[in-house]
C-alpha atoms as a PDB file:
ATOM      1  CA  LEU A   1     210.879-145.650  45.022  1.00  0.00           C
ATOM      2  CA  PRO A   2     208.452-144.874  42.239  1.00  0.00           C
ATOM      3  CA  PRO A   3     209.974-144.558  38.742  1.00  0.00           C
ATOM      4  CA  PRO A   4     212.075-142.740  37.627  1.00  0.00           C
ATOM      5  CA  TYR A   5     213.682-142.532  41.105  1.00  0.00           C
ATOM      6  CA  ASN A   6     216.256-145.048  42.382  1.00  0.00           C
ATOM      7  CA  LEU A   7     217.796-145.670  45.772  1.00  0.00           C
ATOM      8  CA  ASN A   8     221.515-146.285  45.417  1.00  0.00           C
ATOM      9  CA  HIS A   9     223.430-147.434  48.455  1.00  0.00           C
ATOM     10  CA  PRO A  10     227.126-147.554  47.516  1.00  0.00           C
ATOM     11  CA  LEU A  11     229.542-149.260  49.883  1.00  0.00           C
ATOM     12  CA  LEU A  12     231.819-146.209  49.807  1.00  0.00           C
ATOM     13  CA  GLY A  13     231.649-144.404  53.134  1.00  0.00           C
ATOM     14  CA  CYS A  14     229.004-146.661  54.689  1.00  0.00           C
ATOM     15  CA  VAL A  15     228.242-146.027  58.321  1.00  0.00           C
ATOM     16  CA  PRO A  16     226.336-148.207  60.764  1.00  0.00           C
ATOM     17  CA  GLY A  17     222.628-147.586  61.226  1.00  0.00           C
ATOM     18  CA  GLN A  18     223.239-146.155  64.671  1.00  0.00           C
ATOM     19  CA  GLU A  19     225.156-142.875  64.774  1.00  0.00           C
ATOM     20  CA  ALA A  20     228.582-143.633  66.224  1.00  0.00           C
ATOM     21  CA  GLU A  21     230.007-141.102  68.670  1.00  0.00           C
ATOM     22  CA  ARG A  22     232.837-139.094  67.174  1.00  0.00           C
ATOM     23  CA  GLU A  23     234.896-136.040  67.907  1.00  0.00           C
ATOM     24  CA  LEU A  24     233.608-133.235  65.728  1.00  0.00           C
ATOM     25  CA  GLY A  25     236.881-131.341  66.030  1.00  0.00           C
ATOM     26  CA  LYS A  26     238.538-134.035  63.925  1.00  0.00           C
ATOM     27  CA  THR A  27     235.873-133.940  61.200  1.00  0.00           C
ATOM     28  CA  ASN A  28     236.952-132.560  57.836  1.00  0.00           C
ATOM     29  CA  GLU A  29     234.304-130.218  56.427  1.00  0.00           C
ATOM     30  CA  MET A  30     235.542-130.588  52.837  1.00  0.00           C
ATOM     31  CA  SER A  31     233.613-132.861  50.478  1.00  0.00           C
ATOM     32  CA  MET A  32     233.834-133.851  46.820  1.00  0.00           C
ATOM     33  CA  ASN A  33     231.153-134.417  44.210  1.00  0.00           C
ATOM     34  CA  TRP A  34     231.169-135.367  40.568  1.00  0.00           C
ATOM     35  CA  CYS A  35     228.992-136.770  37.823  1.00  0.00           C
ATOM     36  CA  ALA A  36     229.771-139.388  35.193  1.00  0.00           C
ATOM     37  CA  GLY A  37     231.536-137.672  32.317  1.00  0.00           C
ATOM     38  CA  ASP A  38     232.826-134.728  34.390  1.00  0.00           C
ATOM     39  CA  ASP A  39     236.298-133.452  33.596  1.00  0.00           C
ATOM     40  CA  LYS A  40     237.013-132.631  37.230  1.00  0.00           C
ATOM     41  CA  VAL A  41     235.814-133.072  40.795  1.00  0.00           C
ATOM     42  CA  GLU A  42     234.102-130.208  42.614  1.00  0.00           C
ATOM     43  CA  ILE A  43     235.604-129.655  46.078  1.00  0.00           C
ATOM     44  CA  LEU A  44     233.125-128.137  48.497  1.00  0.00           C
ATOM     45  CA  ASP A  45     233.471-126.545  51.939  1.00  0.00           C
ATOM     46  CA  GLY A  46     230.506-128.111  53.736  1.00  0.00           C
ATOM     47  CA  CYS A  47     230.394-125.421  56.420  1.00  0.00           C
ATOM     48  CA  ARG A  48     230.143-122.534  53.958  1.00  0.00           C
ATOM     49  CA  GLY A  49     228.319-124.347  51.133  1.00  0.00           C
ATOM     50  CA  ARG A  50     230.772-122.997  48.584  1.00  0.00           C
ATOM     51  CA  CYS A  51     233.596-124.389  46.529  1.00  0.00           C
ATOM     52  CA  ALA A  52     237.138-123.976  47.775  1.00  0.00           C
ATOM     53  CA  LYS A  53     237.616-120.854  45.629  1.00  0.00           C
ATOM     54  CA  GLY A  54     234.394-119.223  46.872  1.00  0.00           C
ATOM     55  CA  VAL A  55     232.397-120.141  43.760  1.00  0.00           C
ATOM     56  CA  VAL A  56     228.797-121.253  44.334  1.00  0.00           C
ATOM     57  CA  SER A  57     228.557-125.051  44.096  1.00  0.00           C
ATOM     58  CA  ARG A  58     226.595-126.730  41.335  1.00  0.00           C
ATOM     59  CA  LEU A  59     224.759-128.497  44.197  1.00  0.00           C
ATOM     60  CA  ALA A  60     223.498-125.206  45.646  1.00  0.00           C
ATOM     61  CA  ARG A  61     219.779-124.536  45.333  1.00  0.00           C
ATOM     62  CA  VAL A  62     220.385-121.444  43.229  1.00  0.00           C
ATOM     63  CA  SER A  63     222.468-123.464  40.749  1.00  0.00           C
ATOM     64  CA  ILE A  64     219.942-126.300  40.538  1.00  0.00           C
ATOM     65  CA  LEU A  65     217.076-123.845  40.074  1.00  0.00           C
ATOM     66  CA  LYS A  66     218.956-122.091  37.249  1.00  0.00           C
ATOM     67  CA  GLU A  67     219.671-125.426  35.514  1.00  0.00           C
ATOM     68  CA  TYR A  68     215.988-126.378  35.802  1.00  0.00           C
ATOM     69  CA  ALA A  69     214.849-123.015  34.421  1.00  0.00           C
ATOM     70  CA  ASP A  70     217.305-123.284  31.515  1.00  0.00           C
ATOM     71  CA  PHE A  71     216.179-126.859  30.793  1.00  0.00           C
ATOM     72  CA  THR A  72     212.436-126.166  30.932  1.00  0.00           C
ATOM     73  CA  GLY A  73     212.543-122.655  29.500  1.00  0.00           C
ATOM     74  CA  SER A  74     210.477-121.453  32.445  1.00  0.00           C
ATOM     75  CA  GLU A  75     211.078-118.575  34.806  1.00  0.00           C
ATOM     76  CA  CYS A  76     211.461-120.225  38.210  1.00  0.00           C
ATOM     77  CA  LYS A  77     211.794-118.128  41.350  1.00  0.00           C
ATOM     78  CA  ASP A  78     211.188-120.524  44.262  1.00  0.00           C
ATOM     79  CA  TYR A  79     213.123-123.793  44.673  1.00  0.00           C
ATOM     80  CA  ASN A  80     210.641-125.445  47.071  1.00  0.00           C
ATOM     81  CA  GLU A  81     207.653-124.529  44.915  1.00  0.00           C
ATOM     82  CA  VAL A  82     209.298-126.129  41.867  1.00  0.00           C
ATOM     83  CA  LYS A  83     210.103-129.324  43.811  1.00  0.00           C
ATOM     84  CA  GLU A  84     206.511-129.698  44.966  1.00  0.00           C
ATOM     85  CA  LYS A  85     205.253-129.384  41.366  1.00  0.00           C
ATOM     86  CA  ILE A  86     207.536-132.105  39.974  1.00  0.00           C
ATOM     87  CA  SER A  87     205.522-135.239  39.280  1.00  0.00           C
ATOM     88  CA  GLY A  88     206.336-138.062  41.677  1.00  0.00           C
ATOM     89  CA  TYR A  89     208.821-136.083  43.778  1.00  0.00           C
ATOM     90  CA  CYS A  90     206.663-135.848  46.902  1.00  0.00           C
ATOM     91  CA  GLU A  91     205.745-139.541  46.704  1.00  0.00           C
ATOM     92  CA  ALA A  92     209.397-140.557  46.271  1.00  0.00           C
ATOM     93  CA  LYS A  93     210.398-138.342  49.199  1.00  0.00           C
ATOM     94  CA  GLU A  94     207.803-139.998  51.456  1.00  0.00           C
ATOM     95  CA  VAL A  95     208.906-143.511  50.425  1.00  0.00           C
ATOM     96  CA  TYR A  96     212.560-142.615  51.000  1.00  0.00           C
ATOM     97  CA  ASN A  97     211.907-141.074  54.434  1.00  0.00           C
ATOM     98  CA  LYS A  98     209.908-144.145  55.476  1.00  0.00           C
ATOM     99  CA  PHE A  99     212.736-146.436  54.294  1.00  0.00           C
ATOM    100  CA  VAL A 100     215.500-144.636  56.226  1.00  0.00           C
ATOM    101  CA  LYS A 101     213.305-144.527  59.338  1.00  0.00           C
ATOM    102  CA  GLU A 102     212.621-148.289  59.134  1.00  0.00           C
ATOM    103  CA  LYS A 103     216.353-148.989  58.687  1.00  0.00           C
ATOM    104  CA  ASN A 104     217.179-146.659  61.583  1.00  0.00           C
ATOM    105  CA  TYR A 105     219.509-144.585  59.364  1.00  0.00           C
ATOM    106  CA  GLY A 106     218.435-141.334  60.991  1.00  0.00           C
ATOM    107  CA  VAL A 107     216.586-138.425  59.442  1.00  0.00           C
ATOM    108  CA  TRP A 108     217.307-136.112  56.533  1.00  0.00           C
ATOM    109  CA  ILE A 109     218.811-132.904  57.850  1.00  0.00           C
ATOM    110  CA  LYS A 110     216.707-129.931  56.828  1.00  0.00           C
ATOM    111  CA  LYS A 111     217.710-126.331  56.396  1.00  0.00           C
ATOM    112  CA  PRO A 112     216.385-124.373  59.395  1.00  0.00           C
ATOM    113  CA  ALA A 113     213.457-122.014  58.769  1.00  0.00           C
ATOM    114  CA  TYR A 114     214.274-118.377  59.350  1.00  0.00           C
END
């Protein structure tokens, strides 16, 4: 990927390139995320997109957009518009999508258009 982007492929939770058949009824929709230096782990309900206590996740678009606006001092209204303006983002996204396609890892799941 072009700098400053990196592709990290940790061994934790690796799955084979081909999607293995599984019973969705046994899948746990809870997930965890954290950053280096965090005091605690954020537990997220993947089906609802909210933390266990109903709080909006820091990974939600609205949270990321607010952090970006606070950091840049700008008034940002549209998440997708901001992403497209970020230098190198579109190029990195294309390189990443090409890589996962070549490795047969599947495709990035997109939010459906309404």
